[in-house]
Protein backbone atom coordinates (compact mmCIF):
# COMPACT_ATOMS: atom_id res chain seq x y z
CA MET A 1 25.92 14.92 23.66
CA GLN A 2 26.65 15.91 20.11
CA GLN A 3 24.37 18.07 18.02
CA ASP A 4 23.55 15.26 15.58
CA ASP A 5 22.04 13.30 18.51
CA HIS A 6 18.82 15.21 17.75
CA ARG A 7 18.23 14.03 14.16
CA SER A 8 14.65 13.49 13.04
CA PHE A 9 12.58 12.81 9.95
CA HIS A 10 8.93 12.80 8.91
CA LEU A 11 7.78 10.62 6.00
CA LEU A 12 4.38 10.14 4.36
CA ARG A 13 2.90 7.48 2.13
CA ILE A 14 -0.26 8.59 0.36
CA ASP A 15 -2.06 6.50 -2.24
CA THR A 16 -5.64 7.69 -2.64
CA GLY A 17 -6.51 4.77 -4.94
CA CYS A 18 -5.85 2.34 -2.08
CA ASN A 19 -7.18 4.70 0.62
CA MET A 20 -3.67 4.73 2.12
CA HIS A 21 -2.69 7.82 4.14
CA ARG A 22 0.20 6.90 6.45
CA PHE A 23 2.86 8.79 8.36
CA TYR A 24 6.14 7.69 9.90
CA THR A 25 8.30 9.87 12.14
CA ALA A 26 11.48 9.06 14.01
CA SER A 27 13.99 11.03 16.01
CA ILE A 28 17.13 10.52 18.05
CA GLN A 29 16.99 11.87 21.60
CA PRO A 30 19.41 11.54 24.53
CA THR A 31 18.31 9.55 27.55
CA LEU A 32 18.68 10.61 31.17
CA PHE A 33 21.32 7.96 31.79
CA GLY A 34 23.80 8.80 29.03
CA GLY A 35 22.37 6.60 26.29
CA VAL A 36 20.59 7.52 23.09
CA SER A 37 17.05 6.56 22.01
CA VAL A 38 15.41 6.26 18.62
CA ILE A 39 11.78 7.28 19.10
CA ARG A 40 9.41 6.12 16.34
CA ASN A 41 5.78 7.03 15.74
CA TRP A 42 3.67 5.69 12.86
CA GLY A 43 0.09 5.24 11.79
CA ARG A 44 -2.73 6.66 9.70
CA ILE A 45 -2.62 10.40 9.09
CA GLY A 46 -5.01 12.06 11.54
CA SER A 47 -4.54 9.44 14.26
CA SER A 48 -2.06 9.45 17.12
CA GLY A 49 -0.58 6.21 15.77
CA ARG A 50 1.72 3.83 17.59
CA MET A 51 5.03 4.53 19.32
CA ARG A 52 8.20 2.55 19.91
CA ILE A 53 11.40 3.55 21.72
CA ASP A 54 14.68 1.73 21.10
CA THR A 55 17.58 2.63 23.41
CA PHE A 56 21.26 2.37 22.48
CA ASP A 57 24.48 2.83 24.45
CA GLU A 58 26.26 4.76 21.66
CA ALA A 59 25.11 7.56 19.35
CA ASP A 60 26.64 5.76 16.35
CA GLN A 61 24.38 2.77 16.94
CA ALA A 62 21.31 5.02 17.07
CA ASN A 63 22.37 6.87 13.91
CA ASN A 64 22.86 3.56 12.07
CA ALA A 65 19.42 2.37 13.20
CA LEU A 66 17.81 5.64 12.07
CA ASP A 67 19.52 5.48 8.66
CA LYS A 68 18.33 1.89 8.23
CA LEU A 69 14.76 2.94 9.08
CA ILE A 70 14.88 5.73 6.50
CA ARG A 71 16.16 3.39 3.77
CA THR A 72 13.54 0.75 4.60
CA LYS A 73 10.64 3.21 4.57
CA ARG A 74 11.77 4.82 1.29
CA ARG A 75 11.89 1.38 -0.35
CA ARG A 76 8.29 0.88 0.79
CA GLY A 77 7.14 4.09 -0.90
CA TYR A 78 7.36 6.68 1.90
CA ARG A 79 8.51 10.18 0.87
CA SER A 80 9.50 13.21 2.92
CA ALA A 81 6.60 15.39 4.01
CA GLU A 82 8.39 18.55 2.82
CA ALA A 83 8.89 17.13 -0.69
CA ILE A 84 5.24 16.06 -0.95
CA ALA A 85 3.96 19.43 0.28
CA GLY A 86 6.29 21.43 -1.95
CA GLY A 87 6.08 19.17 -4.99
CA GLN A 88 9.87 18.83 -5.00
CA SER A 89 12.00 15.78 -5.60
CA ASP A 90 12.69 13.76 -2.48
CA ALA A 91 15.85 14.38 -0.44
CA GLU A 92 18.37 11.67 0.32
CA PRO A 93 18.52 10.30 3.90
CA SER A 94 21.81 12.13 4.57
CA ASP A 95 20.01 15.43 3.88
CA LEU A 96 17.39 14.80 6.58
CA ASN A 97 19.25 16.10 9.62
């Protein structure tokens, strides 16, 4: 497996006016049988949330799926947890390795 098979990100969407405190995490992990999985976890901050695992035969497919997830969540208002905590501008998806 390559090193970039272990990519992950953690995004938050906080809007106190709407009582919205959500998290979304995803990572790429190798499977026991030579494939690659995208493991997602999402829900309200403070809860264990929900989990979904999507398995792919190739690492490129998993990387494309993860990049698509990042773009989709950013369009919906999610921002990186590090940027929110540090008050910095948000990083681009390619910087979240």
